[in-house]
Each structure stands twice: as C-alpha cells, then as structure tokens.
C-alpha cells in the first residue's frame, strides 16, 4: 500500500482557499443591485381636446437611481370611460387617445406592477373647454325659481372619477367660495369625508338673509364646463348630519326649501375662510363631529372648501361672467350667458381694456352712494341691487311682505361711484330702480332694475352683470390685468 502524507495534502487544499494576490481578503466586490421601479407617469397631464381628436400619450418609468425610461410601448393602457375617450393598447399604437363624446376619462398606463394616470377631457368641436353655460331663469334652473337666478350645471364625481353625477340648478355665486351641493342632488355617490382629528369635518355657511347651510366636508372631483376634473373638498349639504342644526341656525333642510340644488362660489378667494379658520376655531365655520357631538375647530387650508377655479390646470387665474342686457322696466323671461374660465390664458378670454379694481382680502372694494362711503362687492348670487337707502321719499320700500325691495312710483335713475382698495381707480356707475311689485307681477323673470335696502354695504347683485363682461382675478394669481384679487368691468 502507498503511504499518505497528510501534511502535504492539507497544504495543497489550503492553497485553493487562500488565493494568491487577494491579500487574504476574499473575492471581488459584489455587483450593485439593479435599480427598482419607483413610479409611472402619464403625459400630457390633465389634457383637453375636441371630440374626435386623437393624441399620443406617453408613459415614463422612473427608477430608484433617478433614471427614466419611455415605456409607452411596454405598458398596458386603459380608459376609465371608453364612452368618452378610448385608448389603444395595440402594438404600434399604444397610448393613442381618441375622444368620442363630451366628458372626462382617466387614462391609465400599467407597467411593472405600478400605474400612472391622467385625465383627458373632451369638448364638442368649436366649443372651448373653458366655457360654462349660464342660464338666468332658464333651462338649467328648476321650476319655480325666484327672479334673477343664475344657474349652472356642475358634474360631481368620486375622487377617482369612477362614478359621476351631473347636477343642474346650481346657483352661480361670485360672492362666495367653493362648491356646496345638497346630499339629495348627488344621490348615493360615495364621497369620502374629510377627517378632523378623530372625527369628521363639518361646516356651517351663513348668509345675510339668516339662512345657512350645514353638512360634512367631503372630497370630490368636480367638473366645470369641459375643463378637466379637479379633486377638492366640497360641502355636502345635509341638515341631519351628526348633530342638531342648532350648531347652524337657519339650516336649509332640502333643495326645495333653499330653491337651489347647490351653490358654486367662484369669487376672488381660493378657500372659503382662509387663514382665519386655520388659526381660530371660534369663528364657527368649521366643526369636528364625533357621533352626535360637534365642536368648533381650526382647519388647515387644504381641507377647507375650495374654489374649484383656482385648481384648474390652465385657466386658474380667474373668470369672466358674460350676460346679455335686458330692457329697463320690462326685463325678459330668461337670458343665456357664459362663464369663461381664465383671464388671458386663451384667445377667448383675452381682455379688452376694463377698469380694474383691486379688492381687499375679502374681495371687497368701496362704493360711494349719496355721499356715503360703504363696502362694495360684486355678487351674482344676490338677485337685486342692495344698498343703504338715504331717502325713503325717493325709494320707498314695498308693502305687504315685500319690504326687502324698493317700490318707487316711477323708475329712478341713480348713480354710485366704485373705488378700488387704495383709493384708485374710481368709476361712476349709473343704474335704475323700478317698482319691484309691478315687475314681479309681470310674466318676466330677469330684470336689471330691482333692488332693496341693505345694512351690509353696497351689493352689486345680478342686475349689475346684465349687459356687462365682469372679470374676477383670483388671489395669489396673476394675469394680463394684474395680480389678484381684483374685479374689473
């Protein structure tokens, strides 16, 4: 038998474990891990196009190392509303979006287990996406509406746009901020509530006529005209929510009582309360509700009811209200006009040379009438011209339950001077006041010469807007007319 040298064998084996030239420290460093997928983005974002048009959308993947890759041809494409917009998932045409009907659809690209999406909005050819119809006592208003009522239609959707509900009979109101819709008007649409601490956020909106709106603050996607939907907090009007309406005296119980389905506040402010409600709970506009108990609370700006115009992707710096004129002393059964979103953002909203009045942080200017200077504001939501009356012999109030209105024996031609905050510019406006009862008993519903007494300043209500283009520049936004907030005409 051959003898075995164990020491020689051990030395031989160790030579393979400790490799020469490696200093005894092991092999080469391991390769860096492959970057992982972080997100998928779809562009163009919040896009609008005519019905029948086609646009190539792009899906871009972003990885953990910051690199990007065009994955349009690799992604799976879907549309949330194929009846509005289709998107091709066929090889060679992936991501091609074609709009087939008015409305909005969510276009989604899926890749590597992640998704990205954007909204496409379709409008009829020749009808700009930034135009919303207004009818004063016309087809967008409910039967039995009061005189000088401007109505619009707004579409309310779930935040993900999976379900939507168009709502007519919405009062266009340039004197308030944000969308408020009666619960009954949106049916069973599932709108998630905005939380406040361990409870839910609710709001109380009070008006000078002693009525109010109470209900929870919810998140919704809102469509104005054919603009892309914007996700914002809105108020769902519901007098039975959480607790007794004692938190909110005069709360309207339903749309029939209020004589509108909701209010679209599109004045010059971004939120309905702003920093005051973010800092002070005592204001009493917002409440934290748990069960049947509600307490006043502060609320961050992002959770307050939002002016939807401020969140539009393009036309977000203001709006223009355009209504036709009606004859003094006669009026009209109804009139149709428009709201145009944006100022100087498109060819159809480029202003001429209006007089621009800077406003204060509440959207107010000053108005001088009969030598008395008071607060002035421009408010489509008021159906008359309301102002302090200096001479009852010239403008007597009506009798028999109509004391909110003036009933002069003959039409009065009057003048008031508007003054911007800071003292300039100034402009004298002529207006007329006729006998309210005489006009209200006529077959017509729209009048430019009805008014009543006010203890809260000079309210340039809907009659002021008839025959004018009135511009509202939003706060913290700029346009060709200057920096908001401002009102111009």
Protein backbone atom coordinates (compact mmCIF):
# COMPACT_ATOMS: atom_id res chain seq x y z
CA UNK A 1 0.00 0.00 0.00
CA UNK A 2 1.07 3.53 -0.72
CA UNK A 3 1.59 5.70 2.34
CA UNK A 4 -0.27 9.09 2.50
CA UNK A 5 1.44 12.34 3.50
CA UNK A 6 -1.41 14.14 5.35
CA UNK A 7 0.51 17.38 5.80
CA UNK A 8 1.17 17.69 2.06
CA UNK A 9 -2.49 17.12 1.26
CA UNK A 10 -3.61 19.75 3.79
CA UNK A 11 -1.19 22.31 2.39
CA UNK A 12 -2.43 21.59 -1.13
CA UNK A 13 -6.07 22.12 -0.14
CA UNK A 14 -5.37 25.37 1.70
CA UNK A 15 -3.79 26.81 -1.45
CA UNK A 16 -7.27 26.82 -3.03
CA UNK A 17 -8.93 28.55 -0.03
CA UNK A 18 -6.42 31.40 0.32
CA UNK A 19 -5.99 32.60 -3.24
CA UNK A 20 -2.77 34.36 -4.10
CA UNK A 21 -2.91 38.03 -4.95
CA UNK A 22 -6.07 38.70 -2.83
CA UNK A 23 -4.29 39.68 0.33
CA UNK A 24 -6.35 37.18 2.23
CA UNK A 25 -9.43 39.46 1.92
CA UNK A 26 -11.76 37.43 -0.32
CA UNK A 27 -13.02 37.91 -3.90
CA UNK A 28 -14.09 40.96 -5.99
CA UNK A 29 -16.87 43.24 -4.54
CA UNK A 30 -20.41 42.04 -5.38
CA UNK A 31 -22.18 43.85 -8.24
CA UNK A 32 -24.53 46.76 -7.32
CA UNK A 33 -28.20 45.78 -7.09
CA UNK A 34 -30.31 46.56 -10.16
CA UNK A 35 -32.42 49.76 -9.83
CA UNK A 36 -36.06 49.19 -8.93
CA UNK A 37 -39.13 50.80 -10.46
CA UNK A 38 -40.32 53.81 -8.43
CA UNK A 39 -43.21 55.33 -10.40
CA UNK A 40 -45.00 55.58 -13.72
CA UNK A 41 -46.05 58.98 -15.10
CA UNK A 42 -48.50 59.61 -17.94
CA UNK A 43 -48.31 62.78 -20.03
CA UNK A 44 -49.73 65.15 -21.14
CA UNK A 45 -51.31 65.86 -17.74
CA UNK A 46 -54.96 66.97 -17.44
CA UNK A 47 -55.36 67.30 -21.18
CA UNK A 48 -58.33 68.76 -23.10
CA UNK A 49 -59.16 68.14 -26.76
CA UNK A 50 -62.07 68.30 -29.21
CA UNK A 51 -64.37 65.34 -29.70
CA UNK A 52 -62.99 63.16 -32.47
CA UNK A 53 -59.37 64.23 -31.99
CA UNK A 54 -56.53 61.78 -31.28
CA UNK A 55 -53.41 62.44 -29.19
CA UNK A 56 -50.40 60.29 -28.42
CA UNK A 57 -49.92 59.89 -24.65
CA UNK A 58 -46.61 58.81 -23.16
CA UNK A 59 -45.79 56.58 -20.18
CA UNK A 60 -42.47 57.25 -18.45
CA UNK A 61 -40.98 54.94 -15.81
CA UNK A 62 -38.75 56.41 -13.08
CA UNK A 63 -36.31 54.12 -11.23
CA UNK A 64 -34.74 54.19 -7.80
CA UNK A 65 -31.44 55.54 -9.15
CA UNK A 66 -33.21 58.52 -10.75
CA UNK A 67 -33.04 57.20 -14.30
CA UNK A 68 -36.11 57.25 -16.57
CA UNK A 69 -37.34 55.16 -19.48
CA UNK A 70 -40.08 55.65 -22.07
CA UNK A 71 -42.31 52.59 -21.55
CA UNK A 72 -45.22 53.67 -23.75
CA UNK A 73 -44.92 50.59 -25.95
CA UNK A 74 -44.42 48.25 -22.95
CA UNK A 75 -47.27 49.47 -20.72
CA UNK A 76 -50.85 48.25 -20.64
CA UNK A 77 -53.27 51.11 -21.39
CA UNK A 78 -56.86 51.52 -20.16
CA UNK A 79 -59.57 54.20 -20.10
CA UNK A 80 -61.99 54.58 -17.17
CA UNK A 81 -64.74 55.86 -19.50
CA UNK A 82 -64.39 54.38 -23.01
CA UNK A 83 -67.68 56.06 -23.98
CA UNK A 84 -65.86 59.39 -23.55
CA UNK A 85 -62.30 58.53 -24.60
CA UNK A 86 -60.67 55.36 -25.89
CA UNK A 87 -57.00 54.49 -25.58
CA UNK A 88 -55.26 51.99 -27.81
CA UNK A 89 -53.38 49.06 -26.28
CA UNK A 90 -52.49 47.61 -29.67
CA UNK A 91 -48.86 47.14 -30.70
CA UNK A 92 -47.69 50.12 -32.71
CA UNK A 93 -50.47 52.40 -31.41
CA UNK A 94 -50.23 52.04 -27.63
CA UNK A 95 -51.20 55.19 -25.75
CA UNK A 96 -53.17 56.82 -28.59
CA UNK A 97 -56.18 58.52 -27.00
CA UNK A 98 -59.26 59.33 -29.10
CA UNK A 99 -62.15 61.33 -27.63
CA UNK A 100 -65.62 60.25 -28.73
CA UNK A 101 -68.08 62.17 -26.50
CA UNK A 102 -68.18 65.14 -24.15
CA UNK A 103 -66.89 64.43 -20.66
CA UNK A 104 -63.74 63.27 -18.88
CA UNK A 105 -61.94 59.95 -18.60
CA UNK A 106 -58.98 58.69 -16.59
CA UNK A 107 -56.23 57.31 -18.86
CA UNK A 108 -54.04 54.76 -17.08
CA UNK A 109 -50.76 53.06 -18.02
CA UNK A 110 -49.68 49.96 -16.07
CA UNK A 111 -46.07 48.76 -16.07
CA UNK A 112 -44.03 46.62 -13.72
CA UNK A 113 -46.80 46.39 -11.13
CA UNK A 114 -47.25 50.18 -10.90
CA UNK A 115 -49.70 52.53 -12.61
CA UNK A 116 -49.76 56.14 -13.70
CA UNK A 117 -52.77 58.11 -14.87
CA UNK A 118 -54.02 61.44 -16.14
CA UNK A 119 -57.36 62.95 -17.13
CA UNK A 120 -58.45 63.73 -20.68
CA UNK A 121 -61.47 65.99 -21.18
CA UNK A 122 -63.43 66.09 -24.44
CA UNK A 123 -65.46 69.05 -25.63
CA UNK A 124 -67.53 69.46 -28.81
CA UNK A 125 -65.53 70.84 -31.71
CA UNK A 126 -65.65 74.62 -31.69
CA UNK A 127 -66.74 74.82 -28.03
CA UNK A 128 -63.73 75.77 -25.88
CA UNK A 129 -63.22 73.67 -22.77
CA UNK A 130 -63.13 76.79 -20.58
CA UNK A 131 -66.70 77.92 -21.33
CA UNK A 132 -69.57 77.04 -18.96
CA UNK A 133 -73.15 77.88 -19.84
CA UNK A 134 -75.21 80.09 -17.52
CA UNK A 135 -78.97 80.45 -17.75
CA UNK A 136 -80.76 83.11 -15.73
CA UNK A 137 -84.19 81.62 -15.01
CA UNK A 138 -83.64 79.32 -17.99
CA UNK A 139 -83.34 75.62 -18.68
CA UNK A 140 -80.60 74.97 -16.11
CA UNK A 141 -82.85 76.25 -13.29
CA UNK A 142 -85.52 74.22 -11.54
CA UNK A 143 -89.19 75.02 -11.96
CA UNK A 144 -90.49 77.75 -9.69
CA UNK A 145 -87.16 79.54 -9.32
CA UNK A 146 -87.12 83.07 -7.94
CA UNK A 147 -86.35 86.02 -10.25
CA UNK A 148 -82.80 86.87 -11.36
CA UNK A 149 -81.46 83.41 -10.54
CA UNK A 150 -78.27 82.45 -12.47
CA UNK A 151 -77.99 78.67 -12.84
CA UNK A 152 -75.18 76.42 -14.00
CA UNK A 153 -74.63 72.68 -14.24
CA UNK A 154 -71.73 71.06 -12.37
CA UNK A 155 -70.64 67.43 -12.50
CA UNK A 156 -69.66 65.89 -9.15
CA UNK A 157 -67.58 62.71 -9.20
CA UNK A 158 -65.87 60.39 -6.78
CA UNK A 159 -62.21 61.35 -6.33
CA UNK A 160 -61.09 58.55 -8.67
CA UNK A 161 -63.72 59.52 -11.32
CA UNK A 162 -65.24 56.04 -11.17
CA UNK A 163 -68.77 57.48 -10.76
CA UNK A 164 -70.18 60.91 -11.60
CA UNK A 165 -73.43 62.83 -11.19
CA UNK A 166 -74.32 65.95 -13.21
CA UNK A 167 -76.23 68.47 -11.08
CA UNK A 168 -78.30 71.29 -12.59
CA UNK A 169 -79.89 74.19 -10.70
CA UNK A 170 -76.57 75.20 -9.11
CA UNK A 171 -76.55 78.89 -8.16
CA UNK A 172 -73.61 80.77 -9.69
CA UNK A 173 -72.27 82.93 -6.87
CA UNK A 174 -69.33 85.32 -7.25
CA UNK A 175 -69.87 86.43 -3.65
CA UNK A 176 -68.82 83.13 -2.05
CA UNK A 177 -66.14 80.49 -2.46
CA UNK A 178 -66.36 76.76 -3.14
CA UNK A 179 -68.95 74.18 -4.14
CA UNK A 180 -71.83 73.21 -1.83
CA UNK A 181 -74.32 70.59 -3.04
CA UNK A 182 -77.37 69.12 -1.35
CA UNK A 183 -76.88 65.46 -0.48
CA UNK A 184 -80.09 64.54 -2.28
CA UNK A 185 -78.71 66.01 -5.54
CA UNK A 186 -75.79 63.57 -5.73
CA UNK A 187 -77.79 60.51 -4.64
CA UNK A 188 -75.68 57.57 -3.49
CA UNK A 189 -72.41 58.90 -4.89
CA UNK A 190 -69.75 57.68 -2.38
CA UNK A 191 -67.80 60.79 -1.39
CA UNK A 192 -65.24 60.25 1.40
CA UNK A 193 -65.49 62.58 4.38
CA UNK A 194 -62.61 64.85 5.36
CA UNK A 195 -61.35 63.85 8.80
CA UNK A 196 -60.68 66.22 11.67
CA UNK A 197 -58.70 64.67 14.48
CA UNK A 198 -60.61 61.53 15.46
CA UNK A 199 -63.84 62.86 13.94
CA UNK A 200 -65.26 64.22 10.70
CA UNK A 201 -65.13 67.80 9.46
CA UNK A 202 -68.40 69.69 9.02
CA UNK A 203 -69.18 73.24 8.01
CA UNK A 204 -71.77 75.94 8.61
CA UNK A 205 -72.17 78.59 5.89
CA UNK A 206 -74.34 81.54 6.94
CA UNK A 207 -75.90 84.18 4.69
CA UNK A 208 -77.17 87.70 5.32
CA UNK A 209 -80.80 86.58 4.88
CA UNK A 210 -80.41 84.49 8.08
CA UNK A 211 -80.38 81.17 6.24
CA UNK A 212 -77.47 78.76 6.44
CA UNK A 213 -76.10 75.51 5.01
CA UNK A 214 -74.88 72.70 7.28
CA UNK A 215 -73.21 69.42 6.41
CA UNK A 216 -70.00 67.40 6.18
CA UNK A 217 -66.93 68.36 4.17
CA UNK A 218 -66.17 65.63 1.62
CA UNK A 219 -63.65 65.06 -1.14
CA UNK A 220 -64.87 65.03 -4.72
CA UNK A 221 -63.67 65.54 -8.27
CA UNK A 222 -65.52 68.50 -9.78
CA UNK A 223 -66.01 69.27 -13.48
CA UNK A 224 -66.77 72.81 -14.65
CA UNK A 225 -67.85 73.01 -18.29
CA UNK A 226 -65.44 70.81 -20.24
CA UNK A 227 -62.46 71.66 -18.05
CA UNK A 228 -60.53 68.70 -16.58
CA UNK A 229 -61.91 67.46 -13.27
CA UNK A 230 -60.23 68.81 -10.13
CA UNK A 231 -60.19 66.99 -6.81
CA UNK A 232 -61.11 69.32 -3.93
CA UNK A 233 -63.02 69.42 -0.62
CA UNK A 234 -66.67 70.44 -1.08
CA UNK A 235 -69.58 70.74 1.33
CA UNK A 236 -72.34 68.13 1.17
CA UNK A 237 -75.41 69.98 2.44
CA UNK A 238 -77.23 67.76 4.94
CA UNK A 239 -79.09 69.31 7.88
CA UNK A 240 -79.39 65.85 9.54
CA UNK A 241 -75.64 65.24 9.65
CA UNK A 242 -74.17 64.27 13.03
CA UNK A 243 -75.92 66.67 15.37
CA UNK A 244 -78.88 69.01 15.57
CA UNK A 245 -78.70 72.06 13.26
CA UNK A 246 -78.56 74.16 16.45
CA UNK A 247 -74.88 74.40 15.55
CA UNK A 248 -76.02 76.22 12.44
CA UNK A 249 -79.24 78.25 12.95
CA UNK A 250 -81.47 78.52 9.93
CA UNK A 251 -80.00 75.45 8.21
CA UNK A 252 -81.88 74.67 4.99
CA UNK A 253 -83.47 71.21 5.22
CA UNK A 254 -83.53 70.40 1.50
CA UNK A 255 -83.11 71.73 -2.02
CA UNK A 256 -86.80 72.52 -2.36
CA UNK A 257 -86.70 74.79 0.68
CA UNK A 258 -83.50 76.51 -0.49
CA UNK A 259 -84.77 76.71 -4.10
CA UNK A 260 -81.44 75.54 -5.48
CA UNK A 261 -79.53 72.25 -5.66
CA UNK A 262 -76.28 73.84 -4.60
CA UNK A 263 -74.04 76.90 -4.78
CA UNK A 264 -70.91 77.30 -6.89
CA UNK A 265 -68.81 80.01 -5.24
CA UNK A 266 -66.31 81.42 -7.76
CA UNK A 267 -65.31 84.75 -6.21
CA UNK A 268 -61.74 86.05 -5.92
CA UNK A 269 -60.61 83.92 -2.95
CA UNK A 270 -59.13 80.41 -3.05
CA UNK A 271 -60.73 78.99 0.11
CA UNK A 272 -64.00 79.85 1.82
CA UNK A 273 -62.36 81.08 5.04
CA UNK A 274 -58.60 81.10 4.63
CA UNK A 275 -56.01 81.67 7.31
CA UNK A 276 -58.55 82.92 9.87
CA UNK A 277 -60.15 79.47 10.09
CA UNK A 278 -56.72 77.84 10.12
CA UNK A 279 -55.82 79.89 13.21
CA UNK A 280 -59.08 80.42 15.14
CA UNK A 281 -61.74 77.83 15.96
CA UNK A 282 -64.05 80.47 17.48
CA UNK A 283 -65.09 81.73 14.05
CA UNK A 284 -67.65 78.92 13.99
CA UNK A 285 -67.48 77.98 10.31
CA UNK A 286 -65.86 74.56 10.80
CA UNK A 287 -66.68 71.82 13.33
CA UNK A 288 -65.15 68.50 14.38
CA UNK A 289 -68.00 65.98 14.74
CA UNK A 290 -67.83 62.67 16.58
CA UNK A 291 -71.13 60.85 16.81
CA UNK A 292 -73.74 63.49 17.66
CA UNK A 293 -71.24 65.89 19.23
CA UNK A 294 -69.68 68.72 17.22
CA UNK A 295 -67.19 71.29 18.47
CA UNK A 296 -65.69 74.31 16.74
CA UNK A 297 -62.29 73.59 15.25
CA UNK A 298 -59.47 75.03 13.24
CA UNK A 299 -58.90 73.53 9.81
CA UNK A 300 -55.85 73.65 7.53
CA UNK A 301 -56.20 75.50 4.24
CA UNK A 302 -56.00 72.28 2.22
CA UNK A 303 -59.08 70.84 4.00
CA UNK A 304 -61.26 73.92 3.64
CA UNK A 305 -63.93 74.15 0.94
CA UNK A 306 -62.02 75.22 -2.17
CA UNK A 307 -62.83 77.50 -5.09
CA UNK A 308 -62.53 74.96 -7.95
CA UNK A 309 -61.40 77.59 -10.46
CA UNK A 310 -58.14 78.05 -8.52
CA UNK A 311 -57.29 74.37 -9.12
CA UNK A 312 -57.82 74.19 -12.88
CA UNK A 313 -54.60 73.15 -14.65
CA UNK A 314 -54.55 76.10 -17.08
CA UNK A 315 -57.42 78.58 -16.63
CA UNK A 316 -56.90 79.05 -12.90
CA UNK A 317 -56.22 82.78 -12.53
CA UNK A 318 -59.81 84.00 -12.72
CA UNK A 319 -63.02 84.05 -14.73
CA UNK A 320 -65.31 86.27 -16.76
CA UNK A 321 -69.10 86.45 -16.37
CA UNK A 322 -70.89 87.48 -19.58
CA UNK A 323 -74.66 88.09 -19.58
CA UNK A 324 -76.78 89.95 -22.14
CA UNK A 325 -78.70 93.13 -21.35
CA UNK A 326 -82.48 93.39 -20.81
CA UNK A 327 -84.77 96.45 -21.22
CA UNK A 328 -85.30 98.72 -18.21
CA UNK A 329 -88.81 98.45 -16.80
CA UNK A 330 -89.56 95.38 -18.92
CA UNK A 331 -86.99 92.65 -18.37
CA UNK A 332 -87.04 89.26 -20.07
CA UNK A 333 -88.42 85.76 -19.37
CA UNK A 334 -84.86 84.35 -19.23
CA UNK A 335 -81.40 85.00 -20.63
CA UNK A 336 -78.44 82.79 -21.51
CA UNK A 337 -74.80 83.69 -20.98
CA UNK A 338 -71.43 82.20 -20.16
CA UNK A 339 -68.71 81.90 -17.59
CA UNK A 340 -65.28 81.84 -19.24
CA UNK A 341 -62.51 80.43 -17.06
CA UNK A 342 -59.10 82.07 -17.12
CA UNK A 343 -58.04 85.62 -17.93
CA UNK A 344 -55.54 85.95 -20.77
CA UNK A 345 -54.92 82.19 -20.88
CA UNK A 346 -56.64 81.56 -24.23
CA UNK A 347 -57.80 83.53 -27.23
CA UNK A 348 -61.38 83.61 -25.92
CA UNK A 349 -60.54 85.21 -22.56
CA UNK A 350 -58.11 87.92 -23.61
CA UNK A 351 -59.49 91.10 -22.02
CA UNK A 352 -60.03 94.39 -23.83
CA UNK A 353 -59.41 97.36 -21.52
CA UNK A 354 -61.68 97.03 -18.50
CA UNK A 355 -61.37 99.17 -15.37
CA UNK A 356 -59.53 97.06 -12.77
CA UNK A 357 -60.46 97.47 -9.10
CA UNK A 358 -58.06 95.88 -6.59
CA UNK A 359 -60.03 94.36 -3.70
CA UNK A 360 -59.19 93.69 -0.07
CA UNK A 361 -58.61 90.20 1.35
CA UNK A 362 -62.39 89.62 1.42
CA UNK A 363 -62.95 90.58 -2.21
CA UNK A 364 -64.47 93.98 -1.34
CA UNK A 365 -63.98 97.48 -2.72
CA UNK A 366 -65.58 100.80 -1.63
CA UNK A 367 -68.76 102.29 -3.09
CA UNK A 368 -69.97 105.87 -2.55
CA UNK A 369 -73.73 106.46 -2.80
CA UNK A 370 -75.46 109.72 -1.87
CA UNK A 371 -72.17 110.95 -0.42
CA UNK A 372 -71.81 107.97 1.94
CA UNK A 373 -68.86 105.60 1.52
CA UNK A 374 -69.55 101.96 2.28
CA UNK A 375 -68.29 98.47 1.42
CA UNK A 376 -68.98 97.42 -2.17
CA UNK A 377 -68.93 93.93 -3.67
CA UNK A 378 -69.99 92.16 -6.87
CA UNK A 379 -72.29 89.22 -6.30
CA UNK A 380 -74.18 87.18 -8.91
CA UNK A 381 -75.73 85.23 -6.04
CA UNK A 382 -77.79 88.27 -4.99
CA UNK A 383 -80.83 88.75 -7.19
CA UNK A 384 -81.05 92.53 -6.78
CA UNK A 385 -79.05 95.69 -6.13
CA UNK A 386 -78.99 96.13 -2.36
CA UNK A 387 -77.66 99.33 -0.79
CA UNK A 388 -78.22 101.76 2.12
CA UNK A 389 -81.20 103.98 1.34
CA UNK A 390 -80.66 107.64 2.20
CA UNK A 391 -84.09 108.95 1.20
CA UNK A 392 -87.32 106.97 1.70
CA UNK A 393 -89.26 109.57 -0.28
CA UNK A 394 -87.23 108.72 -3.38
CA UNK A 395 -87.01 104.96 -2.81
CA UNK A 396 -89.84 103.78 -0.56
CA UNK A 397 -89.83 100.11 0.35
CA UNK A 398 -92.66 97.88 -0.78
CA UNK A 399 -95.54 96.94 1.48
CA UNK A 400 -97.37 93.68 2.13
CA UNK A 401 -94.49 91.32 2.78
CA UNK A 402 -92.12 92.78 0.19
CA UNK A 403 -90.23 95.15 2.48
CA UNK A 404 -86.92 93.72 1.25
CA UNK A 405 -87.50 95.58 -2.02
CA UNK A 406 -87.93 99.14 -3.26
CA UNK A 407 -91.23 100.23 -4.82
CA UNK A 408 -90.80 103.78 -6.18
CA UNK A 409 -93.88 105.12 -8.03
CA UNK A 410 -91.68 105.64 -11.11
CA UNK A 411 -88.32 104.28 -12.25
CA UNK A 412 -85.46 106.15 -10.55
CA UNK A 413 -82.17 106.82 -12.35
CA UNK A 414 -79.36 106.73 -9.76
CA UNK A 415 -75.56 106.85 -9.59
CA UNK A 416 -72.87 105.34 -7.35
CA UNK A 417 -69.08 105.54 -7.51
CA UNK A 418 -66.85 102.50 -7.13
CA UNK A 419 -63.37 102.94 -5.65
CA UNK A 420 -60.60 100.34 -5.64
CA UNK A 421 -58.79 99.46 -2.42
CA UNK A 422 -56.04 102.04 -2.01
CA UNK A 423 -58.21 104.82 -3.46
CA UNK A 424 -57.87 104.10 -7.18
CA UNK A 425 -59.35 103.73 -9.68
CA UNK A 426 -62.76 105.39 -9.41
CA UNK A 427 -65.73 104.91 -11.70
CA UNK A 428 -69.29 106.23 -11.52
CA UNK A 429 -71.97 103.72 -12.45
CA UNK A 430 -75.50 104.63 -13.47
CA UNK A 431 -78.32 102.25 -12.55
CA UNK A 432 -82.10 102.17 -12.30
CA UNK A 433 -84.57 101.07 -9.65
CA UNK A 434 -88.17 100.34 -10.69
CA UNK A 435 -91.20 99.19 -8.72
CA UNK A 436 -90.50 95.64 -7.61
CA UNK A 437 -94.12 94.57 -7.22
CA UNK A 438 -95.02 95.80 -10.70
CA UNK A 439 -92.12 93.91 -12.26
CA UNK A 440 -92.65 90.75 -10.20
CA UNK A 441 -96.28 90.61 -11.32
CA UNK A 442 -95.24 90.70 -14.99
CA UNK A 443 -94.66 87.48 -16.99
CA UNK A 444 -90.89 88.11 -16.99
CA UNK A 445 -88.24 86.87 -14.53
CA UNK A 446 -85.00 88.72 -15.35
CA UNK A 447 -84.70 92.44 -14.50
CA UNK A 448 -81.82 94.92 -14.32
CA UNK A 449 -83.73 97.45 -12.18
CA UNK A 450 -84.80 95.72 -8.97
CA UNK A 451 -83.23 96.50 -5.61
CA UNK A 452 -83.75 96.82 -1.89
CA UNK A 453 -82.35 98.30 1.32
CA UNK A 454 -79.11 97.00 2.83
CA UNK A 455 -77.32 97.34 6.18
CA UNK A 456 -74.24 95.44 4.97
CA UNK A 457 -72.85 97.68 2.23
CA UNK A 458 -73.50 98.11 -1.49
CA UNK A 459 -74.27 94.74 -3.05
CA UNK A 460 -73.86 94.89 -6.82
CA UNK A 461 -76.06 91.87 -7.44
CA UNK A 462 -77.11 90.16 -10.64
CA UNK A 463 -78.72 93.25 -12.28
CA UNK A 464 -75.23 94.83 -12.46
CA UNK A 465 -73.97 91.92 -14.60
CA UNK A 466 -76.66 92.19 -17.29
CA UNK A 467 -75.08 93.69 -20.40
CA UNK A 468 -71.53 93.58 -19.00
CA UNK A 469 -68.38 91.47 -19.01
CA UNK A 470 -67.21 91.27 -15.40
CA UNK A 471 -63.76 89.88 -14.56
CA UNK A 472 -62.74 88.24 -11.27
CA UNK A 473 -58.99 87.88 -10.71
CA UNK A 474 -58.15 85.29 -8.06
CA UNK A 475 -55.90 85.98 -5.11
CA UNK A 476 -52.24 84.95 -5.46
CA UNK A 477 -52.71 84.66 -9.24
CA UNK A 478 -51.53 86.98 -11.98
CA UNK A 479 -52.99 87.79 -15.39
CA UNK A 480 -52.72 90.37 -18.12
CA UNK A 481 -54.89 92.61 -15.91
CA UNK A 482 -52.53 92.42 -12.93
CA UNK A 483 -52.24 90.50 -9.69
CA UNK A 484 -55.33 89.26 -7.84
CA UNK A 485 -57.51 89.76 -6.03
CA UNK A 486 -59.39 92.21 -8.25
CA UNK A 487 -62.70 92.79 -10.01
CA UNK A 488 -62.85 94.50 -13.41
CA UNK A 489 -65.57 95.59 -15.81
